[in-house]
Amino acid sequence: MGRRHSAIAVGRKLAENDLLWFEEPISSDDVEGYIEIRRALKVRISGAEQLRGHRAFRRMLQERALDIVQPDVSICGGFTEFRKIAAMASANHVRVIPHMFGTAIRLAATLHLLANLPDSPRANVPFPALLEYDMSENALRTELAKEPIRHTEGIVAVPQEPGLGIEINRDLLTKYG
């Protein structure tokens, strides 16, 4: 049984639990595989967090191989590339939920991008903007910013200071540098 068939089998089991989506069931660049999986399943499919540059996302979005695209600002090419990907996704009625794992800097950048996205493309069942908020042990996320970015009852405020809105704890950089 190949990866696509395994993903479909797993996806069918997951669909029984009414999950919101099935994330990265196969390699990010397997467009044909995503198309096959999306057609076979009744659960939303998300992915593409490892793709680089808006051109890498084009076919995935144009062929609606995903229900949710998850570009990562630090992998896809920064703010400008992310915005191009988000525009292509919107034009193709694909939801954008940024991938986020890493440092406080990446979290702040992701929050600013997310705050500028519409809640949902036109859909029968829209859902609000969602942030992937990692809760694992990670000092570069929890201690790198002098004022850590935290959630309160599931809500994360966008930092309001200049730039990305955070001040870096340089002592922590020295410790891990």
Protein backbone atom coordinates (compact mmCIF):
# COMPACT_ATOMS: atom_id res chain seq x y z
CA MET A 1 0.00 0.00 0.00
CA GLY A 2 1.51 3.38 -1.03
CA ARG A 3 1.61 6.59 0.94
CA ARG A 4 -1.47 7.97 -0.83
CA HIS A 5 -3.52 4.85 -0.07
CA SER A 6 -2.33 4.87 3.54
CA ALA A 7 -3.29 8.54 3.86
CA ILE A 8 -6.74 7.81 2.44
CA ALA A 9 -7.25 4.91 4.86
CA VAL A 10 -6.17 7.05 7.82
CA GLY A 11 -8.26 9.97 6.58
CA ARG A 12 -11.39 7.83 6.42
CA LYS A 13 -10.90 6.82 10.05
CA LEU A 14 -10.24 10.44 11.07
CA ALA A 15 -13.39 11.61 9.26
CA GLU A 16 -15.44 9.41 11.58
CA ASN A 17 -14.40 11.72 14.44
CA ASP A 18 -15.63 14.93 12.75
CA LEU A 19 -12.20 16.60 12.77
CA LEU A 20 -11.83 20.07 11.28
CA TRP A 21 -8.99 18.96 8.98
CA PHE A 22 -6.35 16.32 8.14
CA GLU A 23 -2.93 18.00 8.06
CA GLU A 24 -0.01 17.08 5.79
CA PRO A 25 -1.06 13.50 5.00
CA ILE A 26 1.76 13.22 2.42
CA SER A 27 4.79 15.18 1.22
CA SER A 28 4.08 18.87 0.61
CA ASP A 29 5.08 18.77 -3.06
CA ASP A 30 2.97 15.78 -4.19
CA VAL A 31 0.21 17.71 -5.98
CA GLU A 32 -1.28 14.64 -7.69
CA GLY A 33 -1.34 12.82 -4.36
CA TYR A 34 -3.17 15.69 -2.66
CA ILE A 35 -5.71 15.81 -5.48
CA GLU A 36 -6.34 12.07 -5.15
CA ILE A 37 -6.64 12.25 -1.35
CA ARG A 38 -8.92 15.29 -1.39
CA ARG A 39 -11.27 13.63 -3.87
CA ALA A 40 -11.39 10.43 -1.82
CA LEU A 41 -12.08 11.96 1.60
CA LYS A 42 -14.89 13.90 3.24
CA VAL A 43 -12.57 15.72 5.63
CA ARG A 44 -10.76 18.99 4.85
CA ILE A 45 -7.16 18.49 3.72
CA SER A 46 -4.40 20.92 4.68
CA GLY A 47 -0.75 21.17 3.82
CA ALA A 48 2.07 22.86 1.93
CA GLU A 49 3.89 24.16 5.00
CA GLN A 50 7.28 23.24 3.51
CA LEU A 51 6.82 24.84 0.07
CA ARG A 52 9.05 27.77 -0.90
CA GLY A 53 7.97 30.75 -3.00
CA HIS A 54 4.52 31.50 -4.39
CA ARG A 55 5.20 29.61 -7.63
CA ALA A 56 5.52 26.36 -5.67
CA PHE A 57 1.94 26.88 -4.40
CA ARG A 58 0.37 27.77 -7.75
CA ARG A 59 -0.72 24.36 -9.02
CA MET A 60 -1.66 23.14 -5.54
CA LEU A 61 -4.07 26.09 -5.24
CA GLN A 62 -5.33 26.26 -8.82
CA GLU A 63 -6.27 22.59 -8.81
CA ARG A 64 -7.83 22.85 -5.32
CA ALA A 65 -5.61 20.04 -4.07
CA LEU A 66 -6.08 21.47 -0.57
CA ASP A 67 -8.97 22.87 1.40
CA ILE A 68 -6.55 24.72 3.69
CA VAL A 69 -3.11 25.95 2.67
CA GLN A 70 -0.56 26.42 5.47
CA PRO A 71 2.36 28.55 4.28
CA ASP A 72 5.07 29.20 6.87
CA VAL A 73 6.34 32.80 6.71
CA SER A 74 9.94 31.77 7.38
CA ILE A 75 9.92 28.97 4.78
CA CYS A 76 7.72 30.33 1.98
CA GLY A 77 9.83 33.44 1.44
CA GLY A 78 8.76 36.07 3.95
CA PHE A 79 5.93 38.58 4.09
CA THR A 80 5.74 39.37 0.38
CA GLU A 81 5.65 35.74 -0.75
CA PHE A 82 3.14 34.90 1.98
CA ARG A 83 0.83 37.69 0.78
CA LYS A 84 1.10 36.44 -2.83
CA ILE A 85 0.20 32.92 -1.66
CA ALA A 86 -2.73 34.25 0.36
CA ALA A 87 -4.01 36.17 -2.68
CA MET A 88 -3.79 33.04 -4.88
CA ALA A 89 -5.55 31.03 -2.18
CA SER A 90 -8.35 33.57 -1.94
CA ALA A 91 -8.78 33.63 -5.71
CA ASN A 92 -9.15 29.84 -5.66
CA HIS A 93 -11.40 29.71 -2.57
CA VAL A 94 -8.79 27.95 -0.43
CA ARG A 95 -8.57 28.80 3.27
CA VAL A 96 -5.23 30.07 4.67
CA ILE A 97 -4.11 29.00 8.14
CA PRO A 98 -0.40 29.78 8.52
CA HIS A 99 1.94 27.08 9.77
CA MET A 100 3.74 28.22 12.91
CA PHE A 101 6.39 26.43 14.87
CA GLY A 102 9.53 28.01 16.23
CA THR A 103 10.65 31.22 17.84
CA ALA A 104 8.87 34.26 19.25
CA ILE A 105 10.02 36.16 16.16
CA ARG A 106 8.23 33.73 13.83
CA LEU A 107 5.17 33.78 16.09
CA ALA A 108 5.02 37.60 16.00
CA ALA A 109 5.42 37.62 12.21
CA THR A 110 2.70 34.98 11.82
CA LEU A 111 0.33 36.93 14.06
CA HIS A 112 0.76 40.09 11.99
CA LEU A 113 0.10 38.19 8.76
CA LEU A 114 -2.87 36.36 10.21
CA ALA A 115 -4.39 39.63 11.47
CA ASN A 116 -4.49 40.85 7.87
CA LEU A 117 -6.23 37.82 6.37
CA PRO A 118 -9.99 37.68 5.86
CA ASP A 119 -11.85 35.29 8.19
CA SER A 120 -12.73 32.86 5.43
CA PRO A 121 -13.14 32.64 1.69
CA ARG A 122 -16.73 32.24 0.59
CA ALA A 123 -17.91 28.96 2.00
CA ASN A 124 -21.07 27.23 3.12
CA VAL A 125 -19.47 26.64 6.52
CA PRO A 126 -16.93 29.42 7.16
CA PHE A 127 -14.71 29.39 10.21
CA PRO A 128 -12.72 32.19 11.85
CA ALA A 129 -9.02 32.89 11.64
CA LEU A 130 -7.02 30.27 13.51
CA LEU A 131 -3.47 30.40 14.85
CA GLU A 132 -1.32 27.30 15.24
CA TYR A 133 -0.12 27.95 18.80
CA ASP A 134 2.59 25.53 19.85
CA MET A 135 2.53 24.61 23.56
CA SER A 136 5.71 22.51 23.71
CA GLU A 137 8.83 23.37 25.71
CA ASN A 138 10.69 25.92 23.60
CA ALA A 139 12.68 28.71 25.25
CA LEU A 140 13.17 30.46 21.91
CA ARG A 141 9.40 30.89 21.72
CA THR A 142 8.60 31.48 25.40
CA GLU A 143 11.67 33.46 26.54
CA LEU A 144 13.15 35.13 23.43
CA ALA A 145 10.71 38.04 23.59
CA LYS A 146 11.06 40.14 26.75
CA GLU A 147 7.25 40.15 26.90
CA PRO A 148 6.25 36.63 25.81
CA ILE A 149 3.34 36.22 23.42
CA ARG A 150 0.69 34.33 25.34
CA HIS A 151 -2.85 33.24 24.82
CA THR A 152 -5.69 34.14 27.14
CA GLU A 153 -8.70 31.85 26.89
CA GLY A 154 -7.68 30.89 23.36
CA ILE A 155 -7.11 34.45 22.13
CA VAL A 156 -3.65 35.74 21.18
CA ALA A 157 -3.21 39.50 20.91
CA VAL A 158 -1.14 40.90 18.04
CA PRO A 159 1.94 42.72 19.44
CA GLN A 160 1.52 46.49 18.99
CA GLU A 161 5.04 47.86 19.43
CA PRO A 162 7.11 49.01 16.38
CA GLY A 163 8.32 46.38 13.92
CA LEU A 164 7.04 42.93 14.79
CA GLY A 165 5.99 44.28 18.18
CA ILE A 166 8.46 42.40 20.35
CA GLU A 167 11.74 43.25 22.03
CA ILE A 168 14.36 40.50 21.96
CA ASN A 169 15.90 39.17 25.16
CA ARG A 170 19.55 39.40 24.14
CA ASP A 171 20.71 37.49 27.23
CA LEU A 172 18.87 34.44 25.90
CA LEU A 173 20.64 34.84 22.54
CA THR A 174 23.98 34.81 24.35
CA LYS A 175 22.95 31.70 26.27
CA TYR A 176 22.05 29.77 23.08
CA GLY A 177 24.45 31.57 20.72
